[in-house]
Amino acid sequence: MLLTWLYVPGDRPDRFAKAVASGADAVILDLEDAVVAGRKAYAREAVAEFLSEPQAVPVQVRVNELAGPDVDGDLAAVAGAPGLAGLRLPKVESPATVAALAPASTPRCTR
């Protein structure tokens, strides 16, 4: 069971390795509200670079709102990254929202 989640702003790469080594059960690199609009591209690049290698604890990425203009860039930056354990989706209101992100070969959420 993951008990301790440590959130780190995506535009603070100086904190990424420290967070992984902190003893937290998991780390969430936040691209959403922890990053101001003018730093979104920089944050994506920093997160993608960090996740290019597997990590010692699960590292998830919190993406921007699914209906907003930034989510496509967020997903493209981290898709397939060896160090990515999962995504944190903000403002999800129904299973259909999550299902819209899943590839056709992925089982759909039915609840």
N, C-alpha and C. Protein backbone atom coordinates (compact mmCIF):
# COMPACT_ATOMS: atom_id res chain seq x y z
N MET A 1 0.84 -1.17 0.00
CA MET A 1 0.00 0.00 0.00
C MET A 1 0.89 1.24 0.00
N LEU A 2 0.54 2.20 -0.84
CA LEU A 2 1.28 3.45 -0.90
C LEU A 2 0.63 4.43 0.09
N LEU A 3 1.37 4.80 1.12
CA LEU A 3 0.82 5.67 2.15
C LEU A 3 1.26 7.12 2.03
N THR A 4 2.47 7.33 1.56
CA THR A 4 3.03 8.67 1.50
C THR A 4 3.23 9.09 0.06
N TRP A 5 2.53 10.15 -0.35
CA TRP A 5 2.63 10.70 -1.70
C TRP A 5 3.30 12.07 -1.59
N LEU A 6 4.39 12.25 -2.28
CA LEU A 6 5.09 13.53 -2.25
C LEU A 6 4.91 14.23 -3.59
N TYR A 7 4.25 15.38 -3.57
CA TYR A 7 4.03 16.17 -4.78
C TYR A 7 5.18 17.14 -4.97
N VAL A 8 5.67 17.25 -6.21
CA VAL A 8 6.76 18.14 -6.55
C VAL A 8 6.36 18.93 -7.80
N PRO A 9 6.49 20.24 -7.78
CA PRO A 9 6.17 21.01 -8.99
C PRO A 9 7.05 20.56 -10.16
N GLY A 10 6.43 20.41 -11.31
CA GLY A 10 7.15 19.93 -12.49
C GLY A 10 8.24 20.86 -12.99
N ASP A 11 8.20 22.11 -12.58
CA ASP A 11 9.24 23.04 -13.00
C ASP A 11 10.35 23.19 -11.98
N ARG A 12 10.46 22.21 -11.08
CA ARG A 12 11.52 22.22 -10.08
C ARG A 12 12.36 20.93 -10.17
N PRO A 13 13.07 20.73 -11.28
CA PRO A 13 13.85 19.51 -11.45
C PRO A 13 14.93 19.33 -10.38
N ASP A 14 15.33 20.41 -9.73
CA ASP A 14 16.30 20.31 -8.65
C ASP A 14 15.75 19.51 -7.47
N ARG A 15 14.45 19.31 -7.41
CA ARG A 15 13.81 18.58 -6.31
C ARG A 15 13.43 17.14 -6.66
N PHE A 16 13.51 16.77 -7.92
CA PHE A 16 13.02 15.44 -8.33
C PHE A 16 13.78 14.29 -7.65
N ALA A 17 15.09 14.27 -7.78
CA ALA A 17 15.88 13.18 -7.20
C ALA A 17 15.76 13.16 -5.68
N LYS A 18 15.72 14.34 -5.07
CA LYS A 18 15.55 14.43 -3.61
C LYS A 18 14.22 13.81 -3.19
N ALA A 19 13.18 14.06 -3.97
CA ALA A 19 11.87 13.51 -3.66
C ALA A 19 11.88 11.99 -3.73
N VAL A 20 12.51 11.45 -4.77
CA VAL A 20 12.59 9.99 -4.91
C VAL A 20 13.37 9.37 -3.74
N ALA A 21 14.39 10.07 -3.27
CA ALA A 21 15.23 9.56 -2.18
C ALA A 21 14.68 9.89 -0.79
N SER A 22 13.55 10.57 -0.72
CA SER A 22 13.03 11.09 0.55
C SER A 22 12.45 10.05 1.49
N GLY A 23 12.13 8.89 0.97
CA GLY A 23 11.45 7.88 1.79
C GLY A 23 9.96 7.83 1.55
N ALA A 24 9.45 8.71 0.70
CA ALA A 24 8.03 8.67 0.33
C ALA A 24 7.76 7.38 -0.44
N ASP A 25 6.54 6.89 -0.33
CA ASP A 25 6.17 5.67 -1.05
C ASP A 25 6.02 5.92 -2.55
N ALA A 26 5.68 7.14 -2.92
CA ALA A 26 5.52 7.50 -4.33
C ALA A 26 5.73 9.00 -4.48
N VAL A 27 6.07 9.41 -5.69
CA VAL A 27 6.30 10.82 -6.01
C VAL A 27 5.38 11.19 -7.16
N ILE A 28 4.77 12.36 -7.05
CA ILE A 28 3.94 12.88 -8.13
C ILE A 28 4.58 14.16 -8.63
N LEU A 29 4.98 14.16 -9.89
CA LEU A 29 5.51 15.36 -10.53
C LEU A 29 4.32 16.10 -11.13
N ASP A 30 4.06 17.30 -10.63
CA ASP A 30 2.83 18.03 -10.94
C ASP A 30 3.03 19.00 -12.09
N LEU A 31 2.34 18.76 -13.18
CA LEU A 31 2.34 19.69 -14.32
C LEU A 31 1.12 20.60 -14.32
N GLU A 32 0.19 20.36 -13.40
CA GLU A 32 -1.05 21.13 -13.42
C GLU A 32 -0.90 22.42 -12.65
N ASP A 33 -1.59 22.55 -11.52
CA ASP A 33 -1.67 23.85 -10.85
C ASP A 33 -0.41 24.27 -10.10
N ALA A 34 0.57 23.40 -9.98
CA ALA A 34 1.84 23.78 -9.36
C ALA A 34 2.75 24.54 -10.32
N VAL A 35 2.37 24.58 -11.59
CA VAL A 35 3.20 25.22 -12.62
C VAL A 35 2.40 26.34 -13.29
N VAL A 36 2.95 27.54 -13.28
CA VAL A 36 2.26 28.66 -13.93
C VAL A 36 2.31 28.49 -15.46
N ALA A 37 1.38 29.10 -16.14
CA ALA A 37 1.22 28.92 -17.59
C ALA A 37 2.51 29.15 -18.37
N GLY A 38 3.28 30.14 -18.03
CA GLY A 38 4.49 30.46 -18.77
C GLY A 38 5.63 29.47 -18.59
N ARG A 39 5.48 28.53 -17.66
CA ARG A 39 6.54 27.54 -17.40
C ARG A 39 6.11 26.11 -17.75
N LYS A 40 4.95 25.94 -18.38
CA LYS A 40 4.45 24.60 -18.70
C LYS A 40 5.40 23.84 -19.61
N ALA A 41 5.89 24.46 -20.68
CA ALA A 41 6.78 23.77 -21.62
C ALA A 41 8.08 23.37 -20.93
N TYR A 42 8.64 24.26 -20.13
CA TYR A 42 9.86 23.94 -19.39
C TYR A 42 9.62 22.76 -18.45
N ALA A 43 8.49 22.77 -17.74
CA ALA A 43 8.18 21.70 -16.81
C ALA A 43 8.04 20.36 -17.53
N ARG A 44 7.36 20.36 -18.68
CA ARG A 44 7.23 19.11 -19.45
C ARG A 44 8.59 18.55 -19.82
N GLU A 45 9.47 19.42 -20.30
CA GLU A 45 10.82 18.97 -20.69
C GLU A 45 11.58 18.41 -19.49
N ALA A 46 11.50 19.09 -18.36
CA ALA A 46 12.21 18.64 -17.16
C ALA A 46 11.68 17.29 -16.68
N VAL A 47 10.37 17.14 -16.66
CA VAL A 47 9.75 15.89 -16.22
C VAL A 47 10.11 14.76 -17.19
N ALA A 48 10.01 15.03 -18.49
CA ALA A 48 10.33 14.00 -19.49
C ALA A 48 11.78 13.55 -19.36
N GLU A 49 12.68 14.48 -19.15
CA GLU A 49 14.09 14.11 -19.00
C GLU A 49 14.30 13.25 -17.76
N PHE A 50 13.69 13.63 -16.64
CA PHE A 50 13.84 12.85 -15.40
C PHE A 50 13.28 11.45 -15.56
N LEU A 51 12.16 11.33 -16.24
CA LEU A 51 11.51 10.03 -16.39
C LEU A 51 12.09 9.18 -17.51
N SER A 52 13.14 9.66 -18.16
CA SER A 52 13.78 8.87 -19.21
C SER A 52 14.52 7.66 -18.65
N GLU A 53 14.65 7.60 -17.34
CA GLU A 53 15.27 6.47 -16.64
C GLU A 53 14.29 5.92 -15.61
N PRO A 54 14.31 4.60 -15.36
CA PRO A 54 13.47 4.04 -14.29
C PRO A 54 13.84 4.67 -12.94
N GLN A 55 12.89 4.74 -12.04
CA GLN A 55 13.11 5.34 -10.73
C GLN A 55 12.94 4.31 -9.62
N ALA A 56 13.50 4.60 -8.44
CA ALA A 56 13.50 3.67 -7.31
C ALA A 56 12.13 3.55 -6.64
N VAL A 57 11.28 4.54 -6.79
CA VAL A 57 9.91 4.49 -6.27
C VAL A 57 8.97 4.85 -7.41
N PRO A 58 7.69 4.50 -7.29
CA PRO A 58 6.76 4.89 -8.35
C PRO A 58 6.69 6.41 -8.50
N VAL A 59 6.78 6.86 -9.73
CA VAL A 59 6.66 8.29 -10.04
C VAL A 59 5.50 8.45 -11.00
N GLN A 60 4.53 9.24 -10.57
CA GLN A 60 3.38 9.55 -11.41
C GLN A 60 3.47 11.01 -11.85
N VAL A 61 2.75 11.35 -12.89
CA VAL A 61 2.69 12.72 -13.37
C VAL A 61 1.24 13.19 -13.32
N ARG A 62 1.05 14.31 -12.66
CA ARG A 62 -0.27 14.94 -12.64
C ARG A 62 -0.35 15.86 -13.84
N VAL A 63 -1.25 15.52 -14.76
CA VAL A 63 -1.40 16.30 -15.99
C VAL A 63 -2.43 17.41 -15.79
N ASN A 64 -2.49 18.30 -16.75
CA ASN A 64 -3.45 19.39 -16.72
C ASN A 64 -4.86 18.88 -17.02
N GLU A 65 -5.82 19.73 -16.77
CA GLU A 65 -7.23 19.41 -16.97
C GLU A 65 -7.46 18.81 -18.35
N LEU A 66 -8.22 17.73 -18.39
CA LEU A 66 -8.41 16.98 -19.62
C LEU A 66 -9.12 17.78 -20.71
N ALA A 67 -9.91 18.74 -20.34
CA ALA A 67 -10.60 19.56 -21.34
C ALA A 67 -9.81 20.82 -21.69
N GLY A 68 -8.66 21.00 -21.07
CA GLY A 68 -7.88 22.21 -21.28
C GLY A 68 -6.88 22.10 -22.42
N PRO A 69 -6.18 23.18 -22.70
CA PRO A 69 -5.26 23.23 -23.84
C PRO A 69 -3.90 22.59 -23.59
N ASP A 70 -3.57 22.23 -22.35
CA ASP A 70 -2.23 21.76 -22.05
C ASP A 70 -2.08 20.25 -21.95
N VAL A 71 -3.18 19.53 -21.83
CA VAL A 71 -3.09 18.10 -21.55
C VAL A 71 -2.42 17.31 -22.69
N ASP A 72 -2.66 17.67 -23.94
CA ASP A 72 -2.05 16.94 -25.05
C ASP A 72 -0.52 17.03 -24.98
N GLY A 73 0.01 18.20 -24.69
CA GLY A 73 1.45 18.36 -24.53
C GLY A 73 1.98 17.58 -23.36
N ASP A 74 1.23 17.55 -22.26
CA ASP A 74 1.64 16.78 -21.08
C ASP A 74 1.76 15.30 -21.41
N LEU A 75 0.71 14.77 -22.04
CA LEU A 75 0.69 13.34 -22.37
C LEU A 75 1.78 12.98 -23.37
N ALA A 76 1.97 13.82 -24.37
CA ALA A 76 3.01 13.56 -25.37
C ALA A 76 4.40 13.56 -24.74
N ALA A 77 4.61 14.41 -23.75
CA ALA A 77 5.93 14.52 -23.13
C ALA A 77 6.31 13.28 -22.33
N VAL A 78 5.34 12.62 -21.73
CA VAL A 78 5.67 11.50 -20.83
C VAL A 78 5.28 10.13 -21.37
N ALA A 79 4.57 10.07 -22.48
CA ALA A 79 4.13 8.79 -23.03
C ALA A 79 5.31 7.86 -23.26
N GLY A 80 5.20 6.68 -22.69
CA GLY A 80 6.23 5.67 -22.88
C GLY A 80 7.50 5.86 -22.07
N ALA A 81 7.54 6.84 -21.20
CA ALA A 81 8.75 7.10 -20.41
C ALA A 81 9.02 5.93 -19.46
N PRO A 82 10.26 5.41 -19.45
CA PRO A 82 10.59 4.26 -18.60
C PRO A 82 10.37 4.50 -17.11
N GLY A 83 10.47 5.75 -16.66
CA GLY A 83 10.30 6.04 -15.24
C GLY A 83 8.89 6.40 -14.82
N LEU A 84 7.94 6.35 -15.75
CA LEU A 84 6.56 6.74 -15.45
C LEU A 84 5.77 5.56 -14.91
N ALA A 85 5.25 5.70 -13.69
CA ALA A 85 4.44 4.65 -13.09
C ALA A 85 2.96 4.85 -13.35
N GLY A 86 2.55 6.08 -13.68
CA GLY A 86 1.14 6.33 -13.92
C GLY A 86 0.86 7.81 -14.05
N LEU A 87 -0.40 8.11 -14.30
CA LEU A 87 -0.85 9.49 -14.45
C LEU A 87 -1.84 9.83 -13.35
N ARG A 88 -1.83 11.07 -12.93
CA ARG A 88 -2.84 11.62 -12.03
C ARG A 88 -3.69 12.56 -12.86
N LEU A 89 -4.98 12.29 -12.89
CA LEU A 89 -5.89 13.07 -13.72
C LEU A 89 -6.71 14.00 -12.84
N PRO A 90 -6.64 15.31 -13.08
CA PRO A 90 -7.43 16.25 -12.29
C PRO A 90 -8.83 16.42 -12.86
N LYS A 91 -9.74 16.79 -12.00
CA LYS A 91 -11.08 17.19 -12.42
C LYS A 91 -11.80 16.14 -13.27
N VAL A 92 -11.66 14.87 -12.89
CA VAL A 92 -12.35 13.80 -13.59
C VAL A 92 -13.75 13.67 -13.00
N GLU A 93 -14.75 13.75 -13.85
CA GLU A 93 -16.12 13.71 -13.37
C GLU A 93 -16.87 12.43 -13.71
N SER A 94 -16.29 11.58 -14.58
CA SER A 94 -16.98 10.35 -14.92
C SER A 94 -15.99 9.34 -15.49
N PRO A 95 -16.35 8.06 -15.50
CA PRO A 95 -15.49 7.05 -16.13
C PRO A 95 -15.26 7.33 -17.62
N ALA A 96 -16.21 7.97 -18.27
CA ALA A 96 -16.07 8.27 -19.69
C ALA A 96 -14.89 9.19 -19.94
N THR A 97 -14.60 10.07 -19.00
CA THR A 97 -13.46 10.97 -19.14
C THR A 97 -12.16 10.17 -19.18
N VAL A 98 -12.04 9.21 -18.29
CA VAL A 98 -10.84 8.38 -18.24
C VAL A 98 -10.77 7.48 -19.47
N ALA A 99 -11.88 6.89 -19.84
CA ALA A 99 -11.93 6.00 -20.99
C ALA A 99 -11.51 6.70 -22.27
N ALA A 100 -11.77 7.98 -22.37
CA ALA A 100 -11.41 8.74 -23.57
C ALA A 100 -9.90 8.80 -23.76
N LEU A 101 -9.14 8.62 -22.69
CA LEU A 101 -7.68 8.65 -22.78
C LEU A 101 -7.07 7.30 -23.13
N ALA A 102 -7.80 6.23 -22.88
CA ALA A 102 -7.25 4.88 -23.03
C ALA A 102 -7.22 4.46 -24.49
N PRO A 103 -6.12 3.80 -24.91
CA PRO A 103 -6.08 3.27 -26.27
C PRO A 103 -7.17 2.22 -26.47
N ALA A 104 -7.54 1.96 -27.68
CA ALA A 104 -8.61 1.00 -27.99
C ALA A 104 -8.33 -0.37 -27.42
N SER A 105 -7.07 -0.77 -27.28
CA SER A 105 -6.73 -2.11 -26.78
C SER A 105 -6.75 -2.20 -25.27
N THR A 106 -6.93 -1.08 -24.57
CA THR A 106 -6.94 -1.07 -23.12
C THR A 106 -8.36 -1.33 -22.61
N PRO A 107 -8.52 -2.22 -21.60
CA PRO A 107 -9.86 -2.42 -21.04
C PRO A 107 -10.45 -1.11 -20.55
N ARG A 108 -11.71 -0.93 -20.79
CA ARG A 108 -12.40 0.29 -20.40
C ARG A 108 -12.92 0.21 -18.97
N CYS A 109 -12.98 1.32 -18.30
CA CYS A 109 -13.56 1.42 -16.97
C CYS A 109 -15.07 1.35 -17.12
N THR A 110 -15.74 0.53 -16.33
CA THR A 110 -17.19 0.38 -16.48
C THR A 110 -17.96 0.89 -15.28
N ARG A 111 -17.32 1.38 -14.26
CA ARG A 111 -18.04 1.88 -13.11
C ARG A 111 -18.40 3.32 -13.24
